[in-house]
Protein backbone atom coordinates (compact mmCIF):
# COMPACT_ATOMS: atom_id res chain seq x y z
CA MET A 1 28.18 19.65 62.96
CA LYS A 2 29.17 22.63 60.81
CA LYS A 3 28.64 25.04 63.44
CA LYS A 4 31.19 23.16 65.68
CA LEU A 5 33.64 22.99 63.13
CA LEU A 6 33.27 26.99 62.72
CA VAL A 7 33.86 27.11 66.42
CA THR A 8 36.73 24.96 66.28
CA MET A 9 38.51 26.76 63.41
CA ILE A 10 37.70 30.27 65.24
CA ILE A 11 39.66 29.08 68.57
CA ALA A 12 42.41 27.62 66.40
CA MET A 13 43.00 31.08 64.96
CA ALA A 14 42.74 32.74 68.04
CA VAL A 15 45.36 30.39 69.45
CA ALA A 16 47.88 31.20 66.78
CA ALA A 17 47.27 34.77 67.03
CA SER A 18 48.06 34.61 70.58
CA ALA A 19 51.35 32.76 70.04
CA CYS A 20 52.22 34.90 67.27
CA GLY A 21 52.03 37.90 69.86
CA LYS A 22 54.03 36.27 72.43
CA LYS A 23 56.62 35.51 69.82
CA ASP A 24 56.98 38.87 68.88
CA GLU A 25 57.04 40.36 72.76
CA ALA A 26 59.95 37.71 73.37
CA SER A 27 62.04 39.07 70.16
CA GLU A 28 61.40 42.60 71.51
CA THR A 29 62.68 41.70 74.63
CA LYS A 30 65.82 39.88 73.56
CA ALA A 31 66.46 42.89 71.53
CA ALA A 32 66.18 45.16 74.04
CA VAL A 33 68.28 43.22 76.35
CA GLU A 34 70.90 42.74 73.74
CA THR A 35 70.74 46.69 72.87
CA GLY A 36 71.14 47.35 76.56
CA ALA A 37 74.40 45.00 77.05
CA GLU A 38 75.86 46.83 73.76
CA GLU A 39 75.50 50.21 75.55
CA GLU A 40 76.84 48.95 78.70
CA SER A 41 79.72 47.10 76.95
CA LYS A 42 80.36 50.51 75.18
CA ALA A 43 80.21 52.67 78.27
CA GLU A 44 82.59 50.43 80.13
CA ALA A 45 85.17 50.69 77.05
CA GLU A 46 84.89 54.61 77.15
CA GLU A 47 85.46 54.57 80.91
CA ALA A 48 88.38 52.31 80.59
CA GLU A 49 89.90 54.52 77.78
CA ALA A 50 89.15 57.57 79.74
CA GLU A 51 91.24 56.17 82.97
CA SER A 52 94.04 54.88 80.51
CA LYS A 53 94.59 58.31 79.21
CA GLY A 54 94.17 59.73 82.82
CA SER A 55 96.92 57.57 83.65
CA GLU A 56 98.96 58.63 81.06
CA ALA A 57 98.54 62.19 81.75
CA SER A 58 99.14 61.77 85.39
CA GLY A 59 102.28 59.98 84.55
CA GLU A 60 103.44 62.87 82.17
CA SER A 61 102.54 65.21 85.09
CA ALA A 62 104.99 63.04 87.62
CA ALA A 63 107.60 63.32 85.00
CA ASP A 64 107.53 67.01 84.69
CA ASP A 65 107.50 67.34 88.45
CA GLU A 66 110.85 65.00 88.42
CA GLU A 67 112.33 67.30 85.68
CA ILE A 68 111.64 70.57 87.75
CA GLU A 69 113.03 68.80 91.13
CA ASP A 70 116.33 67.78 88.85
CA GLU A 71 117.15 71.40 88.66
CA GLY A 72 116.54 74.35 91.00
CA TYR A 73 117.18 77.91 91.50
CA TYR A 74 117.72 79.98 94.60
CA GLU A 75 118.20 83.49 95.30
CA GLY A 76 119.37 85.23 98.40
CA THR A 77 121.75 87.57 100.14
CA VAL A 78 125.33 86.21 100.96
CA THR A 79 125.55 86.19 104.87
CA SER A 80 128.67 84.30 105.20
CA ILE A 81 131.50 82.53 103.08
CA ASN A 82 133.39 79.28 104.43
CA GLY A 83 135.71 78.21 102.03
CA THR A 84 133.94 77.38 99.02
CA GLN A 85 130.37 77.11 100.90
CA ILE A 86 128.30 80.24 101.17
CA THR A 87 125.35 80.71 103.23
CA LEU A 88 122.21 82.39 101.27
CA GLN A 89 119.53 84.15 103.14
CA GLY A 90 116.28 84.58 101.27
CA PRO A 91 113.19 87.29 101.50
CA ASP A 92 111.30 85.03 103.88
CA GLY A 93 114.40 84.65 106.23
CA ALA A 94 115.35 81.28 105.61
CA SER A 95 118.72 80.23 105.09
CA TYR A 96 120.49 77.60 102.82
CA VAL A 97 124.29 76.34 102.49
CA PHE A 98 125.49 76.03 99.08
CA ASP A 99 128.94 74.69 97.77
CA MET A 100 130.38 76.36 95.07
CA ALA A 101 133.58 74.06 94.55
CA ASN A 102 132.59 72.94 90.99
CA ALA A 103 130.28 75.98 90.08
CA GLU A 104 130.91 78.45 87.33
CA LEU A 105 131.23 82.00 88.86
CA ASP A 106 130.16 85.40 87.66
CA PRO A 107 132.83 86.83 85.79
CA ASP A 108 131.74 90.38 86.38
CA TYR A 109 131.36 90.54 90.22
CA ASP A 110 132.82 88.89 93.23
CA VAL A 111 130.62 86.76 95.35
CA LEU A 112 130.85 88.45 98.69
CA PRO A 113 128.84 88.90 102.01
CA GLY A 114 126.12 91.33 101.26
CA ALA A 115 125.53 90.83 97.71
CA LEU A 116 122.40 89.44 96.22
CA VAL A 117 122.97 86.13 94.05
CA ASP A 118 121.43 83.54 92.41
CA VAL A 119 122.40 79.88 92.35
CA ALA A 120 121.68 76.90 90.07
CA TYR A 121 121.60 73.29 91.51
CA GLU A 122 120.55 70.05 90.54
CA GLY A 123 118.40 67.75 92.65
CA ALA A 124 116.68 68.68 96.04
CA LYS A 125 118.25 71.05 98.42
CA SER A 126 120.31 69.09 101.15
CA ASP A 127 122.32 70.33 104.39
CA VAL A 128 124.97 71.58 101.86
CA THR A 129 123.72 71.87 98.61
CA PRO A 130 126.30 71.53 95.56
CA VAL A 131 125.66 74.55 92.85
CA THR A 132 126.43 74.50 89.10
CA GLU A 133 126.18 78.22 88.58
CA VAL A 134 126.76 81.24 90.67
CA SER A 135 125.46 84.58 89.09
CA VAL A 136 125.40 87.89 91.24
CA VAL A 137 122.09 89.45 90.87
CA MET A 138 123.35 92.67 92.77
CA SER A 139 127.00 93.57 93.84
CA LEU A 140 127.70 94.12 97.41
CA GLU A 141 127.54 97.65 96.78
CA GLN A 142 124.46 97.71 94.67
CA GLN A 143 122.61 95.86 97.14
CA ALA A 144 123.46 98.08 99.93
CA ASP A 145 122.53 101.10 98.01
CA SER A 146 119.15 99.27 97.01
CA LEU A 147 118.54 99.05 100.95
CA GLY A 148 119.43 102.47 101.65
CA LYS A 149 122.66 101.24 103.57
CA ASP A 150 126.56 101.87 103.37
CA PRO A 151 128.34 98.67 102.10
CA VAL A 152 130.20 96.69 104.62
CA LEU A 153 133.37 94.66 103.58
CA VAL A 154 133.90 91.37 105.64
CA GLY A 155 137.51 90.14 105.81
CA THR A 156 140.75 89.91 107.65
CA ILE A 157 143.13 92.59 107.79
CA THR A 158 146.45 91.48 105.98
CA ASP A 159 148.33 94.84 105.89
CA MET A 160 147.82 98.16 107.76
CA THR A 161 149.41 101.63 108.13
CA PRO A 162 148.36 104.64 110.30
CA SER A 163 146.54 105.75 107.02
CA GLU A 164 145.63 102.74 105.09
CA ILE A 165 144.44 99.11 105.57
CA THR A 166 144.12 96.12 103.15
CA VAL A 167 141.20 94.00 103.93
CA THR A 168 141.35 90.39 102.25
CA ASP A 169 137.72 89.05 101.76
CA PRO A 170 136.71 85.28 102.14
CA ASN A 171 137.79 84.71 98.82
CA GLY A 172 141.26 85.66 99.03
CA LYS A 173 141.24 89.15 97.18
CA PRO A 174 142.70 91.89 98.70
CA HIS A 175 141.41 95.54 98.95
CA GLU A 176 143.01 98.65 100.12
CA LEU A 177 141.09 101.23 101.74
CA SER A 178 141.91 104.93 103.23
CA SER A 179 141.33 104.46 107.11
CA ALA A 180 142.92 107.68 108.48
CA MET A 181 139.48 108.76 109.81
CA ALA A 182 138.11 105.36 110.37
CA TYR A 183 136.21 105.25 113.68
CA VAL A 184 137.24 101.82 115.29
CA VAL A 185 134.51 99.78 117.45
CA THR A 186 136.07 97.40 119.88
CA VAL A 187 135.27 95.87 123.18
CA ASN A 188 137.77 95.67 126.28
CA ASN A 189 140.29 97.79 124.56
CA GLU A 190 140.99 94.96 121.90
CA GLU A 191 143.96 96.42 119.43
CA LEU A 192 143.48 96.55 115.75
CA ASN A 193 146.11 94.30 114.22
CA ILE A 194 147.08 92.52 111.07
CA GLY A 195 145.10 89.36 111.27
CA SER A 196 142.06 90.76 112.99
CA GLU A 197 138.61 89.64 111.49
CA VAL A 198 137.00 93.03 110.71
CA ASP A 199 133.51 94.24 109.27
CA VAL A 200 134.53 97.66 107.51
CA THR A 201 131.89 100.06 106.51
CA TYR A 202 133.24 102.27 103.60
CA VAL A 203 132.48 104.93 101.00
CA GLY A 204 133.34 104.56 97.12
CA THR A 205 134.12 101.09 95.41
CA ILE A 206 136.34 98.23 96.01
CA ASP A 207 136.15 96.90 92.66
CA ALA A 208 139.15 98.43 90.80
CA ASP A 209 137.51 98.28 87.53
CA GLU A 210 134.89 100.85 88.47
CA VAL A 211 137.14 103.29 90.10
CA GLU A 212 136.42 106.65 88.49
CA SER A 213 139.50 108.60 86.97
CA ASP A 214 140.52 111.98 86.42
CA GLU A 215 142.96 113.76 84.34
CA GLU A 216 145.62 113.18 86.89
CA GLY A 217 144.70 109.35 87.30
CA SER A 218 142.79 107.66 89.96
CA ILE A 219 140.58 109.54 92.26
CA GLY A 220 141.68 107.68 95.28
CA LEU A 221 140.82 104.79 97.50
CA PRO A 222 137.72 103.88 98.97
CA ILE A 223 137.20 105.28 102.53
CA ALA A 224 136.73 103.45 105.52
CA THR A 225 134.42 105.02 107.62
CA LYS A 226 133.68 102.31 110.59
CA ILE A 227 135.84 99.18 111.49
CA VAL A 228 134.02 96.83 113.71
CA LEU A 229 136.18 93.70 115.17
CA ALA A 230 134.82 90.56 115.40
CA SER A 231 134.74 90.77 119.11
CA ALA A 232 132.53 93.66 118.89
CA ARG A 233 129.68 92.20 116.61
CA GLY A 234 126.33 92.61 117.88
CA THR A 235 127.17 95.90 120.06
CA GLU A 236 125.11 99.02 119.76
CA GLU A 237 128.08 100.91 118.30
CA ALA A 238 128.34 98.11 115.61
CA GLY A 239 124.64 98.77 114.67
CA GLN A 240 124.93 102.50 114.29
CA ASN A 241 125.89 104.31 111.06
CA ILE A 242 129.01 106.27 112.17
CA VAL A 243 131.30 108.68 110.21
CA VAL A 244 134.06 110.55 111.87
CA GLY A 245 135.27 114.29 110.24
CA THR A 246 136.40 117.56 110.76
CA VAL A 247 133.64 120.38 110.56
CA ASN A 248 134.32 122.92 107.66
CA TYR A 249 131.13 124.58 107.47
CA VAL A 250 128.05 125.38 109.85
CA ASP A 251 124.67 127.11 108.87
CA THR A 252 122.45 127.59 111.91
CA GLU A 253 119.77 129.44 109.63
CA THR A 254 119.10 126.05 107.44
CA ASN A 255 120.36 123.89 110.48
CA THR A 256 123.07 122.06 108.13
CA PHE A 257 126.74 121.45 108.49
CA MET A 258 129.54 119.62 106.76
CA ILE A 259 132.42 117.57 107.68
CA ASP A 260 135.63 116.36 105.76
CA ALA A 261 136.42 112.89 106.31
CA ASP A 262 139.66 111.82 104.65
CA THR A 263 139.22 112.85 101.01
CA MET A 264 135.31 113.41 100.87
CA SER A 265 133.05 116.00 102.55
CA PHE A 266 129.43 115.03 103.75
CA GLU A 267 126.59 117.37 104.30
CA PHE A 268 124.25 116.75 107.19
CA SER A 269 121.01 118.39 108.36
CA ALA A 270 120.21 118.18 112.12
CA GLY A 271 118.23 119.77 115.17
CA ALA A 272 119.21 123.52 116.01
CA ASP A 273 120.42 122.09 119.32
CA ILE A 274 123.14 120.22 117.51
CA VAL A 275 124.07 122.52 114.94
CA SER A 276 124.29 125.51 117.26
CA SER A 277 126.97 123.42 119.15
CA LEU A 278 129.14 123.22 116.51
CA SER A 279 132.10 125.17 115.27
CA GLU A 280 134.46 125.02 112.62
CA GLY A 281 137.48 122.81 113.16
CA ASN A 282 135.86 120.51 115.48
CA THR A 283 136.47 116.99 115.10
CA VAL A 284 133.42 114.91 115.63
CA LYS A 285 131.65 111.64 115.45
CA VAL A 286 128.33 111.91 113.64
CA ILE A 287 125.89 109.17 113.98
CA TYR A 288 123.31 109.33 111.05
CA GLU A 289 120.32 107.56 109.24
CA GLY A 290 120.30 106.09 105.85
CA ASN A 291 123.47 106.14 103.91
CA LEU A 292 126.24 108.47 103.06
CA TYR A 293 125.41 108.74 99.35
CA ASN A 294 122.47 110.93 100.00
CA ARG A 295 122.80 114.49 99.12
CA ILE A 296 122.09 115.57 102.50
CA VAL A 297 122.33 113.12 105.40
CA THR A 298 119.92 113.23 108.59
CA ALA A 299 122.32 113.51 111.63
CA VAL A 300 120.97 111.92 114.63
CA SER A 301 123.72 112.88 117.13
CA VAL A 302 127.01 114.75 117.18
CA THR A 303 129.65 114.19 119.72
CA PRO A 304 133.11 115.45 119.83
CA VAL A 305 136.17 112.85 119.40
CA SER A 306 139.78 113.11 119.71
CA VAL A 307 141.73 110.06 118.71
CA VAL A 308 140.40 108.31 115.26
CA GLY A 309 141.72 106.24 112.64
CA THR A 310 143.93 103.07 112.31
CA GLY A 311 147.10 104.80 113.34
CA ARG A 312 145.59 105.70 117.02
């Protein structure tokens, strides 16, 4: 009987121990599940916060893009002017039309074909974009010099004599130039008249504020070296650098010569065959490379001419 009671007690204790173990295992499992759920919930919260911050940043970036789009700048060379509208050609060759009607213009330099300008505008570019400001980066003459070319004034002849012309630019501003030795490029013997639209290559400055002076006053008008009528644009001669003058010096040893063109003199270097054919007093047409501001200009060809200037 005692032995049976002892066995019963041992079994009861074992059952109790087993039950306790299962209870502990259940508690541990429950705790692990709760911990995992908390960590997952925390991760989801962090992810949601990150997404929220990302959205805010994206919104700020979009706002910045809109702000950039609200104001723009474009730099290019003026290729034409039509009333208040200017066409600018950028370094990539693309052209855009801008309207200067309500723009603040550069107080120092005129906006002319050939000048390099920078415009400010609001919104996106359109077929004709209104601008708020126009700044001249390089004037017509400065831009031409930087490109190694002579400046070209585009406009309409509003007055002329045998030795002078007045060319009114697209902005309505008149410019006087000496034209006594100008070479006129025309087609079909078209006459140069008041009202003719022309491209005038010149030496000197058309900006009255920059005209140098000596003790006796102004040095003189800018010199028109070539006048191209609108009908002759695109011809071979229109694209050539041409100056006409009277030979005043020839040096066959150095293969150089000089000509008097109106009130200025220019020195050229050329091949021996060209130089040896020249004589002082000859009136010649010189086709040259570069611009006439070089100390010695390279002559490509020299041919005799008889009648030059606007008085021909």
